[in-house]
Amino acid sequence: MNKLVALGLAAAGGVMAFRALPHETRSRLTAPLKRRISEHMQQMMASLPDDAPPKLVASILPKLQAQNDQIIAMLREQNQLLREQQRRIAAE
């Protein structure tokens, strides 16, 4: 039990020490880890079959983003037209 408490305290101390580092140093230390995780994720996605749910979701996301951008543009245009119509009505 004492070993577990000591390990927990050491981990908490390590986290506090890491958080105390300047942002530049922290990002320099975490960049290789993020890169390794990203490479592993790409390898894992490449090994999945084409009909695997993660691959399907990843292939659909860019289409959804484009569709959302188009909807937002249409809504902005509609809002602009409604504002102009309200200004004309108010001016009469």
N, C-alpha and C. Protein backbone atom coordinates (compact mmCIF):
# COMPACT_ATOMS: atom_id res chain seq x y z
N MET A 1 0.83 -1.20 0.00
CA MET A 1 0.00 0.00 0.00
C MET A 1 0.87 1.26 0.00
N ASN A 2 1.96 1.23 0.79
CA ASN A 2 2.84 2.39 0.86
C ASN A 2 3.51 2.66 -0.49
N LYS A 3 3.82 1.58 -1.23
CA LYS A 3 4.43 1.75 -2.54
C LYS A 3 3.45 2.43 -3.50
N LEU A 4 2.18 2.06 -3.38
CA LEU A 4 1.16 2.66 -4.24
C LEU A 4 0.98 4.15 -3.93
N VAL A 5 0.98 4.49 -2.67
CA VAL A 5 0.87 5.90 -2.26
C VAL A 5 2.09 6.68 -2.74
N ALA A 6 3.26 6.10 -2.59
CA ALA A 6 4.49 6.77 -3.02
C ALA A 6 4.48 6.97 -4.53
N LEU A 7 4.02 5.96 -5.27
CA LEU A 7 3.95 6.09 -6.72
C LEU A 7 2.96 7.18 -7.13
N GLY A 8 1.82 7.23 -6.44
CA GLY A 8 0.83 8.27 -6.72
C GLY A 8 1.37 9.66 -6.44
N LEU A 9 2.06 9.81 -5.32
CA LEU A 9 2.65 11.11 -4.98
C LEU A 9 3.74 11.50 -5.98
N ALA A 10 4.54 10.52 -6.41
CA ALA A 10 5.58 10.82 -7.39
C ALA A 10 4.96 11.25 -8.72
N ALA A 11 3.89 10.57 -9.11
CA ALA A 11 3.21 10.95 -10.36
C ALA A 11 2.61 12.34 -10.26
N ALA A 12 1.97 12.65 -9.14
CA ALA A 12 1.40 13.98 -8.94
C ALA A 12 2.49 15.04 -8.94
N GLY A 13 3.62 14.76 -8.30
CA GLY A 13 4.74 15.70 -8.31
C GLY A 13 5.30 15.91 -9.70
N GLY A 14 5.36 14.82 -10.48
CA GLY A 14 5.84 14.94 -11.86
C GLY A 14 4.91 15.80 -12.70
N VAL A 15 3.61 15.62 -12.52
CA VAL A 15 2.64 16.43 -13.27
C VAL A 15 2.78 17.90 -12.88
N MET A 16 2.91 18.17 -11.58
CA MET A 16 3.06 19.57 -11.14
C MET A 16 4.35 20.18 -11.68
N ALA A 17 5.43 19.41 -11.68
CA ALA A 17 6.70 19.92 -12.20
C ALA A 17 6.59 20.18 -13.71
N PHE A 18 5.92 19.28 -14.42
CA PHE A 18 5.74 19.46 -15.86
C PHE A 18 4.93 20.71 -16.15
N ARG A 19 3.88 20.93 -15.36
CA ARG A 19 3.04 22.12 -15.55
C ARG A 19 3.79 23.41 -15.20
N ALA A 20 4.78 23.32 -14.37
CA ALA A 20 5.55 24.50 -13.97
C ALA A 20 6.54 24.92 -15.05
N LEU A 21 6.82 24.05 -16.00
CA LEU A 21 7.76 24.39 -17.07
C LEU A 21 7.16 25.46 -17.98
N PRO A 22 8.01 26.28 -18.60
CA PRO A 22 7.50 27.26 -19.57
C PRO A 22 6.82 26.55 -20.75
N HIS A 23 5.89 27.23 -21.39
CA HIS A 23 5.11 26.64 -22.47
C HIS A 23 5.99 26.13 -23.61
N GLU A 24 7.02 26.88 -23.96
CA GLU A 24 7.90 26.47 -25.05
C GLU A 24 8.58 25.13 -24.74
N THR A 25 9.03 24.97 -23.50
CA THR A 25 9.70 23.74 -23.10
C THR A 25 8.72 22.57 -23.10
N ARG A 26 7.50 22.81 -22.59
CA ARG A 26 6.49 21.75 -22.58
C ARG A 26 6.15 21.31 -23.99
N SER A 27 5.98 22.26 -24.91
CA SER A 27 5.62 21.89 -26.27
C SER A 27 6.78 21.17 -26.97
N ARG A 28 8.00 21.54 -26.64
CA ARG A 28 9.17 20.85 -27.21
C ARG A 28 9.25 19.41 -26.71
N LEU A 29 8.83 19.19 -25.46
CA LEU A 29 8.85 17.84 -24.90
C LEU A 29 7.69 16.99 -25.41
N THR A 30 6.54 17.60 -25.65
CA THR A 30 5.36 16.84 -26.06
C THR A 30 5.25 16.65 -27.56
N ALA A 31 5.97 17.44 -28.36
CA ALA A 31 5.87 17.34 -29.82
C ALA A 31 6.25 15.96 -30.34
N PRO A 32 7.35 15.35 -29.89
CA PRO A 32 7.66 14.00 -30.40
C PRO A 32 6.59 12.97 -30.03
N LEU A 33 6.02 13.09 -28.84
CA LEU A 33 4.97 12.17 -28.43
C LEU A 33 3.73 12.32 -29.31
N LYS A 34 3.34 13.56 -29.59
CA LYS A 34 2.19 13.80 -30.46
C LYS A 34 2.45 13.26 -31.86
N ARG A 35 3.66 13.45 -32.35
CA ARG A 35 4.01 12.95 -33.69
C ARG A 35 3.95 11.43 -33.73
N ARG A 36 4.47 10.78 -32.70
CA ARG A 36 4.45 9.31 -32.64
C ARG A 36 3.02 8.79 -32.58
N ILE A 37 2.18 9.42 -31.78
CA ILE A 37 0.78 9.01 -31.68
C ILE A 37 0.08 9.19 -33.03
N SER A 38 0.35 10.30 -33.70
CA SER A 38 -0.25 10.54 -35.01
C SER A 38 0.19 9.50 -36.04
N GLU A 39 1.47 9.17 -36.05
CA GLU A 39 1.98 8.15 -36.98
C GLU A 39 1.35 6.80 -36.69
N HIS A 40 1.23 6.46 -35.42
CA HIS A 40 0.61 5.18 -35.05
C HIS A 40 -0.86 5.15 -35.49
N MET A 41 -1.56 6.25 -35.31
CA MET A 41 -2.97 6.32 -35.71
C MET A 41 -3.10 6.16 -37.22
N GLN A 42 -2.22 6.79 -37.98
CA GLN A 42 -2.25 6.65 -39.43
C GLN A 42 -1.99 5.21 -39.86
N GLN A 43 -1.03 4.55 -39.21
CA GLN A 43 -0.75 3.15 -39.53
C GLN A 43 -1.94 2.26 -39.19
N MET A 44 -2.57 2.53 -38.06
CA MET A 44 -3.71 1.73 -37.65
C MET A 44 -4.88 1.92 -38.62
N MET A 45 -5.13 3.17 -39.03
CA MET A 45 -6.22 3.45 -39.97
C MET A 45 -5.93 2.79 -41.32
N ALA A 46 -4.67 2.79 -41.74
CA ALA A 46 -4.31 2.18 -43.02
C ALA A 46 -4.51 0.67 -43.00
N SER A 47 -4.36 0.06 -41.83
CA SER A 47 -4.50 -1.39 -41.74
C SER A 47 -5.95 -1.84 -41.65
N LEU A 48 -6.87 -0.92 -41.41
CA LEU A 48 -8.29 -1.29 -41.30
C LEU A 48 -8.88 -1.55 -42.68
N PRO A 49 -9.90 -2.43 -42.75
CA PRO A 49 -10.58 -2.62 -44.04
C PRO A 49 -11.36 -1.36 -44.42
N ASP A 50 -11.68 -1.24 -45.72
CA ASP A 50 -12.34 -0.03 -46.21
C ASP A 50 -13.71 0.19 -45.60
N ASP A 51 -14.40 -0.89 -45.20
CA ASP A 51 -15.74 -0.72 -44.65
C ASP A 51 -15.76 -0.65 -43.12
N ALA A 52 -14.61 -0.45 -42.50
CA ALA A 52 -14.54 -0.31 -41.04
C ALA A 52 -15.14 1.02 -40.63
N PRO A 53 -15.90 1.05 -39.54
CA PRO A 53 -16.55 2.30 -39.11
C PRO A 53 -15.61 3.49 -38.95
N PRO A 54 -14.41 3.34 -38.35
CA PRO A 54 -13.55 4.53 -38.24
C PRO A 54 -13.16 5.10 -39.60
N LYS A 55 -12.90 4.23 -40.58
CA LYS A 55 -12.54 4.71 -41.91
C LYS A 55 -13.72 5.38 -42.58
N LEU A 56 -14.92 4.82 -42.39
CA LEU A 56 -16.11 5.43 -42.97
C LEU A 56 -16.34 6.82 -42.40
N VAL A 57 -16.19 6.94 -41.09
CA VAL A 57 -16.38 8.25 -40.45
C VAL A 57 -15.33 9.23 -40.95
N ALA A 58 -14.09 8.79 -41.03
CA ALA A 58 -13.01 9.67 -41.50
C ALA A 58 -13.23 10.10 -42.94
N SER A 59 -13.81 9.23 -43.76
CA SER A 59 -14.05 9.61 -45.15
C SER A 59 -15.24 10.55 -45.29
N ILE A 60 -16.16 10.49 -44.35
CA ILE A 60 -17.36 11.33 -44.42
C ILE A 60 -17.11 12.73 -43.84
N LEU A 61 -16.19 12.85 -42.90
CA LEU A 61 -15.97 14.13 -42.22
C LEU A 61 -15.67 15.30 -43.17
N PRO A 62 -14.80 15.16 -44.17
CA PRO A 62 -14.57 16.30 -45.07
C PRO A 62 -15.84 16.70 -45.84
N LYS A 63 -16.65 15.71 -46.22
CA LYS A 63 -17.90 16.02 -46.92
C LYS A 63 -18.85 16.78 -46.00
N LEU A 64 -18.92 16.36 -44.74
CA LEU A 64 -19.77 17.06 -43.78
C LEU A 64 -19.28 18.48 -43.54
N GLN A 65 -17.98 18.66 -43.46
CA GLN A 65 -17.41 19.99 -43.27
C GLN A 65 -17.77 20.91 -44.43
N ALA A 66 -17.65 20.40 -45.65
CA ALA A 66 -18.00 21.20 -46.83
C ALA A 66 -19.49 21.53 -46.83
N GLN A 67 -20.31 20.55 -46.46
CA GLN A 67 -21.75 20.78 -46.41
C GLN A 67 -22.09 21.81 -45.34
N ASN A 68 -21.45 21.72 -44.18
CA ASN A 68 -21.69 22.69 -43.11
C ASN A 68 -21.27 24.10 -43.54
N ASP A 69 -20.13 24.20 -44.23
CA ASP A 69 -19.68 25.51 -44.72
C ASP A 69 -20.70 26.09 -45.69
N GLN A 70 -21.25 25.25 -46.56
CA GLN A 70 -22.25 25.72 -47.52
C GLN A 70 -23.52 26.17 -46.80
N ILE A 71 -23.96 25.43 -45.80
CA ILE A 71 -25.16 25.81 -45.04
C ILE A 71 -24.93 27.12 -44.32
N ILE A 72 -23.76 27.30 -43.72
CA ILE A 72 -23.46 28.54 -43.01
C ILE A 72 -23.45 29.72 -43.98
N ALA A 73 -22.89 29.54 -45.16
CA ALA A 73 -22.87 30.61 -46.16
C ALA A 73 -24.29 30.96 -46.58
N MET A 74 -25.13 29.96 -46.77
CA MET A 74 -26.52 30.22 -47.16
C MET A 74 -27.27 30.95 -46.05
N LEU A 75 -27.04 30.56 -44.80
CA LEU A 75 -27.70 31.22 -43.68
C LEU A 75 -27.25 32.67 -43.55
N ARG A 76 -25.97 32.93 -43.76
CA ARG A 76 -25.48 34.31 -43.70
C ARG A 76 -26.11 35.15 -44.80
N GLU A 77 -26.21 34.57 -46.00
CA GLU A 77 -26.84 35.29 -47.10
C GLU A 77 -28.32 35.55 -46.80
N GLN A 78 -28.99 34.57 -46.24
CA GLN A 78 -30.40 34.74 -45.88
C GLN A 78 -30.56 35.81 -44.81
N ASN A 79 -29.68 35.82 -43.82
CA ASN A 79 -29.74 36.84 -42.77
C ASN A 79 -29.53 38.23 -43.36
N GLN A 80 -28.59 38.35 -44.28
CA GLN A 80 -28.33 39.63 -44.92
C GLN A 80 -29.55 40.11 -45.70
N LEU A 81 -30.19 39.22 -46.43
CA LEU A 81 -31.40 39.58 -47.19
C LEU A 81 -32.52 39.99 -46.25
N LEU A 82 -32.68 39.28 -45.14
CA LEU A 82 -33.73 39.64 -44.17
C LEU A 82 -33.45 40.99 -43.54
N ARG A 83 -32.19 41.27 -43.24
CA ARG A 83 -31.85 42.59 -42.67
C ARG A 83 -32.17 43.71 -43.66
N GLU A 84 -31.81 43.48 -44.92
CA GLU A 84 -32.11 44.50 -45.94
C GLU A 84 -33.61 44.70 -46.08
N GLN A 85 -34.37 43.62 -46.04
CA GLN A 85 -35.83 43.72 -46.15
C GLN A 85 -36.39 44.48 -44.94
N GLN A 86 -35.88 44.21 -43.76
CA GLN A 86 -36.35 44.92 -42.57
C GLN A 86 -36.01 46.40 -42.64
N ARG A 87 -34.85 46.74 -43.17
CA ARG A 87 -34.46 48.15 -43.32
C ARG A 87 -35.39 48.86 -44.29
N ARG A 88 -35.74 48.18 -45.39
CA ARG A 88 -36.66 48.79 -46.36
C ARG A 88 -38.04 49.01 -45.75
N ILE A 89 -38.52 48.04 -44.99
CA ILE A 89 -39.83 48.17 -44.35
C ILE A 89 -39.81 49.29 -43.32
N ALA A 90 -38.72 49.40 -42.56
CA ALA A 90 -38.60 50.43 -41.53
C ALA A 90 -38.49 51.82 -42.17
N ALA A 91 -37.89 51.90 -43.36
CA ALA A 91 -37.71 53.20 -44.03
C ALA A 91 -39.02 53.71 -44.64
N GLU A 92 -39.98 52.84 -44.88
CA GLU A 92 -41.25 53.25 -45.51
C GLU A 92 -42.14 53.97 -44.56
